[in-house]
Amino acid sequence: MRLFDLIIRFILTASFIILFNLLCQPYGLHIGFNMANLAIGTLIGFPGFALLFILALLFR
């Protein structure tokens, strides 16, 4: 995987976490903005996003 791909995935992951937190705040869902969640979303990709969503549902 090239460095450019990792940078794009990192930006998309950070954007997803911020957007998810803004949209789902009224419903009590929250994804922590920390290094573990950024690494999951960046390195795994779409399944990582699904995992973050499931974790947000479980720990609300």
PDB file of N, CA and C in Angstrom:
ATOM      1  N   MET A   1       0.855  -1.175   0.000  1.00  0.00           N
ATOM      2  CA  MET A   1       0.000   0.000   0.000  1.00  0.00           C
ATOM      3  C   MET A   1       0.902   1.238   0.000  1.00  0.00           C
ATOM      4  N   ARG A   2       0.585   2.159  -0.834  1.00  0.00           N
ATOM      5  CA  ARG A   2       1.406   3.356  -0.936  1.00  0.00           C
ATOM      6  C   ARG A   2       1.059   4.344   0.160  1.00  0.00           C
ATOM      7  N   LEU A   3       1.983   5.252   0.408  1.00  0.00           N
ATOM      8  CA  LEU A   3       1.797   6.261   1.445  1.00  0.00           C
ATOM      9  C   LEU A   3       0.619   7.168   1.111  1.00  0.00           C
ATOM     10  N   PHE A   4       0.450   7.505  -0.168  1.00  0.00           N
ATOM     11  CA  PHE A   4      -0.659   8.366  -0.576  1.00  0.00           C
ATOM     12  C   PHE A   4      -2.004   7.718  -0.250  1.00  0.00           C
ATOM     13  N   ASP A   5      -2.109   6.415  -0.477  1.00  0.00           N
ATOM     14  CA  ASP A   5      -3.352   5.699  -0.144  1.00  0.00           C
ATOM     15  C   ASP A   5      -3.639   5.752   1.349  1.00  0.00           C
ATOM     16  N   LEU A   6      -2.599   5.589   2.160  1.00  0.00           N
ATOM     17  CA  LEU A   6      -2.786   5.652   3.607  1.00  0.00           C
ATOM     18  C   LEU A   6      -3.222   7.041   4.058  1.00  0.00           C
ATOM     19  N   ILE A   7      -2.665   8.066   3.446  1.00  0.00           N
ATOM     20  CA  ILE A   7      -3.043   9.438   3.805  1.00  0.00           C
ATOM     21  C   ILE A   7      -4.502   9.694   3.446  1.00  0.00           C
ATOM     22  N   ILE A   8      -4.922   9.261   2.264  1.00  0.00           N
ATOM     23  CA  ILE A   8      -6.322   9.436   1.845  1.00  0.00           C
ATOM     24  C   ILE A   8      -7.254   8.669   2.773  1.00  0.00           C
ATOM     25  N   ARG A   9      -6.900   7.430   3.107  1.00  0.00           N
ATOM     26  CA  ARG A   9      -7.736   6.645   4.018  1.00  0.00           C
ATOM     27  C   ARG A   9      -7.814   7.290   5.402  1.00  0.00           C
ATOM     28  N   PHE A  10      -6.687   7.849   5.866  1.00  0.00           N
ATOM     29  CA  PHE A  10      -6.674   8.518   7.166  1.00  0.00           C
ATOM     30  C   PHE A  10      -7.605   9.725   7.159  1.00  0.00           C
ATOM     31  N   ILE A  11      -7.556  10.509   6.097  1.00  0.00           N
ATOM     32  CA  ILE A  11      -8.425  11.688   5.990  1.00  0.00           C
ATOM     33  C   ILE A  11      -9.893  11.264   5.931  1.00  0.00           C
ATOM     34  N   LEU A  12     -10.198  10.233   5.154  1.00  0.00           N
ATOM     35  CA  LEU A  12     -11.577   9.747   5.073  1.00  0.00           C
ATOM     36  C   LEU A  12     -12.057   9.186   6.409  1.00  0.00           C
ATOM     37  N   THR A  13     -11.181   8.485   7.112  1.00  0.00           N
ATOM     38  CA  THR A  13     -11.560   7.945   8.422  1.00  0.00           C
ATOM     39  C   THR A  13     -11.844   9.058   9.413  1.00  0.00           C
ATOM     40  N   ALA A  14     -10.964  10.054   9.458  1.00  0.00           N
ATOM     41  CA  ALA A  14     -11.174  11.176  10.374  1.00  0.00           C
ATOM     42  C   ALA A  14     -12.462  11.916  10.024  1.00  0.00           C
ATOM     43  N   SER A  15     -12.716  12.107   8.734  1.00  0.00           N
ATOM     44  CA  SER A  15     -13.944  12.780   8.308  1.00  0.00           C
ATOM     45  C   SER A  15     -15.176  11.965   8.685  1.00  0.00           C
ATOM     46  N   PHE A  16     -15.103  10.647   8.513  1.00  0.00           N
ATOM     47  CA  PHE A  16     -16.225   9.781   8.876  1.00  0.00           C
ATOM     48  C   PHE A  16     -16.523   9.862  10.366  1.00  0.00           C
ATOM     49  N   ILE A  17     -15.483   9.813  11.201  1.00  0.00           N
ATOM     50  CA  ILE A  17     -15.691   9.858  12.649  1.00  0.00           C
ATOM     51  C   ILE A  17     -16.321  11.178  13.057  1.00  0.00           C
ATOM     52  N   ILE A  18     -15.828  12.277  12.510  1.00  0.00           N
ATOM     53  CA  ILE A  18     -16.377  13.594  12.848  1.00  0.00           C
ATOM     54  C   ILE A  18     -17.824  13.706  12.376  1.00  0.00           C
ATOM     55  N   LEU A  19     -18.102  13.301  11.136  1.00  0.00           N
ATOM     56  CA  LEU A  19     -19.459  13.385  10.592  1.00  0.00           C
ATOM     57  C   LEU A  19     -20.418  12.473  11.356  1.00  0.00           C
ATOM     58  N   PHE A  20     -19.972  11.264  11.669  1.00  0.00           N
ATOM     59  CA  PHE A  20     -20.810  10.336  12.424  1.00  0.00           C
ATOM     60  C   PHE A  20     -21.161  10.917  13.786  1.00  0.00           C
ATOM     61  N   ASN A  21     -20.171  11.489  14.469  1.00  0.00           N
ATOM     62  CA  ASN A  21     -20.432  12.060  15.792  1.00  0.00           C
ATOM     63  C   ASN A  21     -21.392  13.239  15.705  1.00  0.00           C
ATOM     64  N   LEU A  22     -21.288  14.047  14.667  1.00  0.00           N
ATOM     65  CA  LEU A  22     -22.196  15.187  14.524  1.00  0.00           C
ATOM     66  C   LEU A  22     -23.622  14.743  14.203  1.00  0.00           C
ATOM     67  N   LEU A  23     -23.761  13.756  13.320  1.00  0.00           N
ATOM     68  CA  LEU A  23     -25.090  13.311  12.907  1.00  0.00           C
ATOM     69  C   LEU A  23     -25.798  12.474  13.968  1.00  0.00           C
ATOM     70  N   CYS A  24     -25.054  11.675  14.702  1.00  0.00           N
ATOM     71  CA  CYS A  24     -25.673  10.731  15.636  1.00  0.00           C
ATOM     72  C   CYS A  24     -25.640  11.203  17.081  1.00  0.00           C
ATOM     73  N   GLN A  25     -25.191  12.413  17.322  1.00  0.00           N
ATOM     74  CA  GLN A  25     -25.144  12.938  18.683  1.00  0.00           C
ATOM     75  C   GLN A  25     -26.520  12.970  19.344  1.00  0.00           C
ATOM     76  N   PRO A  26     -27.600  13.370  18.635  1.00  0.00           N
ATOM     77  CA  PRO A  26     -28.916  13.372  19.288  1.00  0.00           C
ATOM     78  C   PRO A  26     -29.398  11.985  19.717  1.00  0.00           C
ATOM     79  N   TYR A  27     -28.860  10.937  19.095  1.00  0.00           N
ATOM     80  CA  TYR A  27     -29.293   9.573  19.399  1.00  0.00           C
ATOM     81  C   TYR A  27     -28.408   8.888  20.438  1.00  0.00           C
ATOM     82  N   GLY A  28     -27.425   9.589  20.951  1.00  0.00           N
ATOM     83  CA  GLY A  28     -26.556   9.036  21.980  1.00  0.00           C
ATOM     84  C   GLY A  28     -25.453   8.135  21.459  1.00  0.00           C
ATOM     85  N   LEU A  29     -25.198   8.146  20.148  1.00  0.00           N
ATOM     86  CA  LEU A  29     -24.119   7.338  19.585  1.00  0.00           C
ATOM     87  C   LEU A  29     -22.869   8.190  19.476  1.00  0.00           C
ATOM     88  N   HIS A  30     -21.725   7.579  19.762  1.00  0.00           N
ATOM     89  CA  HIS A  30     -20.475   8.327  19.727  1.00  0.00           C
ATOM     90  C   HIS A  30     -19.330   7.376  19.407  1.00  0.00           C
ATOM     91  N   ILE A  31     -18.448   7.804  18.514  1.00  0.00           N
ATOM     92  CA  ILE A  31     -17.211   7.077  18.236  1.00  0.00           C
ATOM     93  C   ILE A  31     -16.081   7.945  18.770  1.00  0.00           C
ATOM     94  N   GLY A  32     -15.278   7.384  19.632  1.00  0.00           N
ATOM     95  CA  GLY A  32     -14.158   8.137  20.195  1.00  0.00           C
ATOM     96  C   GLY A  32     -13.146   8.498  19.120  1.00  0.00           C
ATOM     97  N   PHE A  33     -12.681   9.742  19.163  1.00  0.00           N
ATOM     98  CA  PHE A  33     -11.689  10.198  18.188  1.00  0.00           C
ATOM     99  C   PHE A  33     -10.316   9.973  18.805  1.00  0.00           C
ATOM    100  N   ASN A  34      -9.807   8.746  18.683  1.00  0.00           N
ATOM    101  CA  ASN A  34      -8.501   8.421  19.249  1.00  0.00           C
ATOM    102  C   ASN A  34      -7.687   7.622  18.231  1.00  0.00           C
ATOM    103  N   MET A  35      -6.462   7.313  18.599  1.00  0.00           N
ATOM    104  CA  MET A  35      -5.551   6.661  17.657  1.00  0.00           C
ATOM    105  C   MET A  35      -6.009   5.245  17.294  1.00  0.00           C
ATOM    106  N   ALA A  36      -6.608   4.536  18.242  1.00  0.00           N
ATOM    107  CA  ALA A  36      -7.049   3.168  17.941  1.00  0.00           C
ATOM    108  C   ALA A  36      -8.135   3.175  16.868  1.00  0.00           C
ATOM    109  N   ASN A  37      -9.112   4.053  16.999  1.00  0.00           N
ATOM    110  CA  ASN A  37     -10.187   4.106  16.003  1.00  0.00           C
ATOM    111  C   ASN A  37      -9.684   4.623  14.664  1.00  0.00           C
ATOM    112  N   LEU A  38      -8.759   5.575  14.679  1.00  0.00           N
ATOM    113  CA  LEU A  38      -8.186   6.048  13.418  1.00  0.00           C
ATOM    114  C   LEU A  38      -7.398   4.940  12.731  1.00  0.00           C
ATOM    115  N   ALA A  39      -6.673   4.148  13.504  1.00  0.00           N
ATOM    116  CA  ALA A  39      -5.908   3.050  12.916  1.00  0.00           C
ATOM    117  C   ALA A  39      -6.830   1.975  12.348  1.00  0.00           C
ATOM    118  N   ILE A  40      -7.905   1.660  13.069  1.00  0.00           N
ATOM    119  CA  ILE A  40      -8.859   0.654  12.571  1.00  0.00           C
ATOM    120  C   ILE A  40      -9.446   1.098  11.239  1.00  0.00           C
ATOM    121  N   GLY A  41      -9.932   2.325  11.173  1.00  0.00           N
ATOM    122  CA  GLY A  41     -10.544   2.811   9.942  1.00  0.00           C
ATOM    123  C   GLY A  41      -9.558   2.963   8.805  1.00  0.00           C
ATOM    124  N   THR A  42      -8.326   3.385   9.128  1.00  0.00           N
ATOM    125  CA  THR A  42      -7.331   3.620   8.089  1.00  0.00           C
ATOM    126  C   THR A  42      -6.799   2.315   7.521  1.00  0.00           C
ATOM    127  N   LEU A  43      -6.459   1.377   8.362  1.00  0.00           N
ATOM    128  CA  LEU A  43      -5.799   0.165   7.890  1.00  0.00           C
ATOM    129  C   LEU A  43      -6.768  -0.890   7.379  1.00  0.00           C
ATOM    130  N   ILE A  44      -7.955  -0.957   7.945  1.00  0.00           N
ATOM    131  CA  ILE A  44      -8.907  -1.989   7.529  1.00  0.00           C
ATOM    132  C   ILE A  44      -9.818  -1.497   6.409  1.00  0.00           C
ATOM    133  N   GLY A  45     -10.155  -0.217   6.398  1.00  0.00           N
ATOM    134  CA  GLY A  45     -11.013   0.329   5.354  1.00  0.00           C
ATOM    135  C   GLY A  45     -12.480   0.226   5.711  1.00  0.00           C
ATOM    136  N   PHE A  46     -13.328  -0.132   4.731  1.00  0.00           N
ATOM    137  CA  PHE A  46     -14.774  -0.166   4.958  1.00  0.00           C
ATOM    138  C   PHE A  46     -15.187  -1.110   6.082  1.00  0.00           C
ATOM    139  N   PRO A  47     -14.625  -2.308   6.190  1.00  0.00           N
ATOM    140  CA  PRO A  47     -14.973  -3.144   7.353  1.00  0.00           C
ATOM    141  C   PRO A  47     -14.608  -2.474   8.672  1.00  0.00           C
ATOM    142  N   GLY A  48     -13.580  -1.646   8.646  1.00  0.00           N
ATOM    143  CA  GLY A  48     -13.221  -0.888   9.845  1.00  0.00           C
ATOM    144  C   GLY A  48     -14.299   0.110  10.216  1.00  0.00           C
ATOM    145  N   PHE A  49     -14.901   0.751   9.205  1.00  0.00           N
ATOM    146  CA  PHE A  49     -16.010   1.671   9.466  1.00  0.00           C
ATOM    147  C   PHE A  49     -17.196   0.925  10.059  1.00  0.00           C
ATOM    148  N   ALA A  50     -17.480  -0.254   9.524  1.00  0.00           N
ATOM    149  CA  ALA A  50     -18.582  -1.051  10.062  1.00  0.00           C
ATOM    150  C   ALA A  50     -18.299  -1.457  11.504  1.00  0.00           C
ATOM    151  N   LEU A  51     -17.054  -1.813  11.792  1.00  0.00           N
ATOM    152  CA  LEU A  51     -16.683  -2.173  13.157  1.00  0.00           C
ATOM    153  C   LEU A  51     -16.843  -0.986  14.097  1.00  0.00           C
ATOM    154  N   LEU A  52     -16.439   0.210  13.660  1.00  0.00           N
ATOM    155  CA  LEU A  52     -16.607   1.403  14.487  1.00  0.00           C
ATOM    156  C   LEU A  52     -18.083   1.677  14.753  1.00  0.00           C
ATOM    157  N   PHE A  53     -18.923   1.484  13.739  1.00  0.00           N
ATOM    158  CA  PHE A  53     -20.359   1.702  13.908  1.00  0.00           C
ATOM    159  C   PHE A  53     -20.951   0.703  14.904  1.00  0.00           C
ATOM    160  N   ILE A  54     -20.558  -0.561  14.790  1.00  0.00           N
ATOM    161  CA  ILE A  54     -21.055  -1.582  15.713  1.00  0.00           C
ATOM    162  C   ILE A  54     -20.598  -1.288  17.137  1.00  0.00           C
ATOM    163  N   LEU A  55     -19.345  -0.876  17.298  1.00  0.00           N
ATOM    164  CA  LEU A  55     -18.853  -0.530  18.634  1.00  0.00           C
ATOM    165  C   LEU A  55     -19.605   0.658  19.214  1.00  0.00           C
ATOM    166  N   ALA A  56     -19.946   1.623  18.365  1.00  0.00           N
ATOM    167  CA  ALA A  56     -20.711   2.780  18.846  1.00  0.00           C
ATOM    168  C   ALA A  56     -22.092   2.349  19.318  1.00  0.00           C
ATOM    169  N   LEU A  57     -22.703   1.403  18.612  1.00  0.00           N
ATOM    170  CA  LEU A  57     -24.017   0.907  19.029  1.00  0.00           C
ATOM    171  C   LEU A  57     -23.939   0.115  20.334  1.00  0.00           C
ATOM    172  N   LEU A  58     -22.874  -0.656  20.493  1.00  0.00           N
ATOM    173  CA  LEU A  58     -22.747  -1.480  21.688  1.00  0.00           C
ATOM    174  C   LEU A  58     -22.461  -0.665  22.941  1.00  0.00           C
ATOM    175  N   PHE A  59     -21.663   0.377  22.809  1.00  0.00           N
ATOM    176  CA  PHE A  59     -21.202   1.134  23.976  1.00  0.00           C
ATOM    177  C   PHE A  59     -21.846   2.500  24.085  1.00  0.00           C
ATOM    178  N   ARG A  60     -23.116   2.615  23.733  1.00  0.00           N
ATOM    179  CA  ARG A  60     -23.761   3.920  23.843  1.00  0.00           C
ATOM    180  C   ARG A  60     -24.320   4.163  25.211  1.00  0.00           C
TER     181      ARG A  60
END
